[in-house]
Protein backbone atom coordinates (compact mmCIF):
# COMPACT_ATOMS: atom_id res chain seq x y z
CA UNK A 1 51.77 4.74 -121.45
CA UNK A 2 48.31 3.27 -121.93
CA UNK A 3 46.74 0.11 -120.55
CA UNK A 4 48.09 -2.96 -122.33
CA UNK A 5 51.17 -1.13 -123.63
CA UNK A 6 54.75 -1.63 -122.45
CA UNK A 7 57.24 1.18 -121.94
CA UNK A 8 58.60 0.47 -125.44
CA UNK A 9 55.14 0.83 -127.00
CA UNK A 10 54.74 -2.90 -127.58
CA UNK A 11 51.50 -4.64 -126.69
CA UNK A 12 51.60 -6.59 -123.42
CA UNK A 13 49.40 -9.71 -123.53
CA UNK A 14 47.66 -11.21 -126.55
CA UNK A 15 48.65 -10.01 -129.98
CA UNK A 16 46.13 -8.87 -132.58
CA UNK A 17 45.71 -10.51 -135.96
CA UNK A 18 47.56 -8.80 -138.80
CA UNK A 19 46.56 -5.17 -139.09
CA UNK A 20 44.99 -3.43 -142.04
CA UNK A 21 47.08 -0.79 -143.76
CA UNK A 22 45.69 2.33 -142.10
CA UNK A 23 46.73 4.56 -144.97
CA UNK A 24 44.09 2.73 -147.04
CA UNK A 25 41.31 3.69 -144.63
CA UNK A 26 39.24 6.82 -145.08
CA UNK A 27 40.84 9.88 -143.43
CA UNK A 28 37.81 10.35 -141.16
CA UNK A 29 38.12 6.74 -139.96
CA UNK A 30 41.82 7.30 -139.31
CA UNK A 31 40.81 10.25 -137.09
CA UNK A 32 38.31 8.01 -135.30
CA UNK A 33 41.07 5.46 -134.60
CA UNK A 34 43.38 8.19 -133.30
CA UNK A 35 40.69 9.44 -130.94
CA UNK A 36 39.98 5.93 -129.71
CA UNK A 37 43.68 5.32 -129.09
CA UNK A 38 43.90 8.43 -126.95
CA UNK A 39 41.33 6.83 -124.64
CA UNK A 40 42.12 3.15 -125.08
CA UNK A 41 44.94 1.41 -126.82
CA UNK A 42 45.67 -0.36 -128.98
CA UNK A 43 42.59 0.08 -131.30
CA UNK A 44 44.10 -1.80 -134.22
CA UNK A 45 42.08 -2.24 -137.44
CA UNK A 46 42.37 -5.90 -138.41
CA UNK A 47 39.73 -6.64 -141.06
CA UNK A 48 36.84 -5.50 -143.25
CA UNK A 49 33.38 -7.01 -143.19
CA UNK A 50 30.14 -5.70 -144.73
CA UNK A 51 31.35 -2.08 -144.89
CA UNK A 52 32.68 -2.19 -141.35
CA UNK A 53 36.19 -2.30 -139.98
CA UNK A 54 36.96 -4.88 -137.29
CA UNK A 55 38.98 -3.08 -134.62
CA UNK A 56 40.92 -5.10 -132.06
CA UNK A 57 40.72 -3.37 -128.67
CA UNK A 58 42.97 -5.76 -126.78
CA UNK A 59 42.21 -7.83 -123.72
CA UNK A 60 39.52 -6.69 -121.27
CA UNK A 61 39.04 -7.64 -117.62
CA UNK A 62 35.48 -8.97 -117.37
CA UNK A 63 35.69 -9.56 -113.60
CA UNK A 64 35.08 -5.83 -113.04
CA UNK A 65 31.44 -6.02 -114.13
CA UNK A 66 28.66 -6.84 -111.73
CA UNK A 67 27.84 -9.65 -111.93
CA UNK A 68 31.23 -10.68 -113.34
CA UNK A 69 31.67 -12.69 -116.52
CA UNK A 70 33.49 -15.94 -117.17
CA UNK A 71 36.22 -16.19 -118.24
CA UNK A 72 37.61 -13.12 -116.50
CA UNK A 73 39.73 -12.02 -119.46
CA UNK A 74 38.96 -11.97 -123.19
CA UNK A 75 40.04 -10.13 -126.30
CA UNK A 76 37.50 -7.60 -127.58
CA UNK A 77 36.79 -6.57 -131.15
CA UNK A 78 34.35 -3.89 -132.22
CA UNK A 79 33.03 -3.41 -135.73
CA UNK A 80 32.84 0.25 -136.75
CA UNK A 81 31.49 1.45 -140.10
CA UNK A 82 34.22 3.01 -142.22
CA UNK A 83 31.68 5.79 -142.82
CA UNK A 84 31.66 6.25 -139.05
CA UNK A 85 30.07 9.70 -138.73
CA UNK A 86 26.26 9.47 -138.30
CA UNK A 87 26.35 5.66 -138.17
CA UNK A 88 24.93 3.35 -135.49
CA UNK A 89 27.69 0.85 -134.65
CA UNK A 90 26.76 -2.15 -132.57
CA UNK A 91 28.75 -5.37 -133.11
CA UNK A 92 31.18 -6.38 -130.36
CA UNK A 93 32.91 -9.78 -130.29
CA UNK A 94 34.73 -11.37 -127.37
CA UNK A 95 37.30 -14.14 -127.90
CA UNK A 96 36.89 -16.48 -126.09
CA UNK A 97 33.13 -16.17 -125.55
CA UNK A 98 32.25 -14.53 -122.23
CA UNK A 99 29.17 -15.34 -120.21
CA UNK A 100 27.74 -13.72 -117.09
CA UNK A 101 28.65 -15.81 -114.07
CA UNK A 102 25.01 -15.88 -112.93
CA UNK A 103 23.86 -17.45 -116.24
CA UNK A 104 24.83 -20.76 -117.76
CA UNK A 105 24.19 -22.36 -121.08
CA UNK A 106 22.92 -19.21 -122.85
CA UNK A 107 22.83 -19.75 -126.58
CA UNK A 108 22.38 -17.16 -129.27
CA UNK A 109 20.21 -18.45 -132.09
CA UNK A 110 20.32 -15.24 -134.13
CA UNK A 111 22.38 -16.03 -137.27
CA UNK A 112 23.13 -12.33 -137.89
CA UNK A 113 24.87 -12.19 -134.55
CA UNK A 114 27.17 -15.09 -135.39
CA UNK A 115 28.32 -13.49 -138.66
CA UNK A 116 30.95 -11.07 -137.21
CA UNK A 117 32.41 -13.86 -135.06
CA UNK A 118 32.50 -16.22 -138.02
CA UNK A 119 34.27 -13.54 -140.06
CA UNK A 120 36.98 -13.18 -137.41
CA UNK A 121 37.49 -16.95 -137.32
CA UNK A 122 37.48 -17.52 -141.08
CA UNK A 123 39.32 -14.43 -142.28
CA UNK A 124 41.61 -13.64 -139.36
CA UNK A 125 42.12 -17.04 -137.77
CA UNK A 126 40.84 -16.14 -134.32
CA UNK A 127 39.48 -18.70 -131.90
CA UNK A 128 35.73 -18.98 -131.50
CA UNK A 129 34.04 -16.04 -129.84
CA UNK A 130 30.61 -14.62 -129.16
CA UNK A 131 29.02 -11.58 -130.77
CA UNK A 132 27.01 -9.01 -128.83
CA UNK A 133 24.80 -6.31 -130.31
CA UNK A 134 25.49 -3.17 -128.28
CA UNK A 135 23.73 -0.58 -130.41
CA UNK A 136 24.98 2.95 -129.77
CA UNK A 137 21.58 4.50 -130.46
CA UNK A 138 20.07 2.65 -127.48
CA UNK A 139 22.39 4.74 -125.29
CA UNK A 140 21.53 7.92 -127.19
CA UNK A 141 25.03 8.01 -128.67
CA UNK A 142 25.37 9.13 -132.26
CA UNK A 143 28.81 9.77 -133.69
CA UNK A 144 28.60 13.28 -135.13
CA UNK A 145 32.35 13.46 -135.75
CA UNK A 146 35.26 10.99 -135.91
CA UNK A 147 36.41 11.88 -132.40
CA UNK A 148 33.25 10.25 -131.02
CA UNK A 149 34.89 6.85 -131.54
CA UNK A 150 36.05 7.12 -127.92
CA UNK A 151 32.48 6.28 -126.98
CA UNK A 152 33.06 2.68 -128.10
CA UNK A 153 34.56 1.95 -124.69
CA UNK A 154 31.60 3.58 -122.88
CA UNK A 155 29.16 1.53 -124.96
CA UNK A 156 31.03 -1.71 -124.24
CA UNK A 157 31.23 -0.98 -120.53
CA UNK A 158 27.54 -0.04 -120.34
CA UNK A 159 26.50 -3.12 -122.30
CA UNK A 160 28.42 -5.54 -120.13
CA UNK A 161 27.47 -3.78 -116.91
CA UNK A 162 23.76 -4.13 -117.65
CA UNK A 163 24.19 -7.65 -119.03
């Protein structure tokens, strides 16, 4: 049983928006999702935006980072290109918006960064969130095969740990 999953396989905590039909995703992306689920459930594809698939990763505990973030818990979405192999994923959205506890009033004025969050709100009906650019290439990660999707969790943890 994985984090966030009950003994019956149901998701404990917040529920994702409606899922995409996985059989309509490219086979290599389906492999990427399977690999990600082995490391972190639920990894549910919930939408398409600009050639990327929005993947709901469930609720994360943001109090574990140093310094911690407020609020302590938020849902996390990552946007992964459907042509995942040899891509450079980077968009991560938290709902609600999280903010480091040692910073207040930070505002993101980059309109590109608001686009994934706006997509989640408009197309999937999520509450307002905040978008972070956690580019895999800055950590020297490059997905050479679908199974490298498991690195999404490492990238998210590294991004929030360094703030």
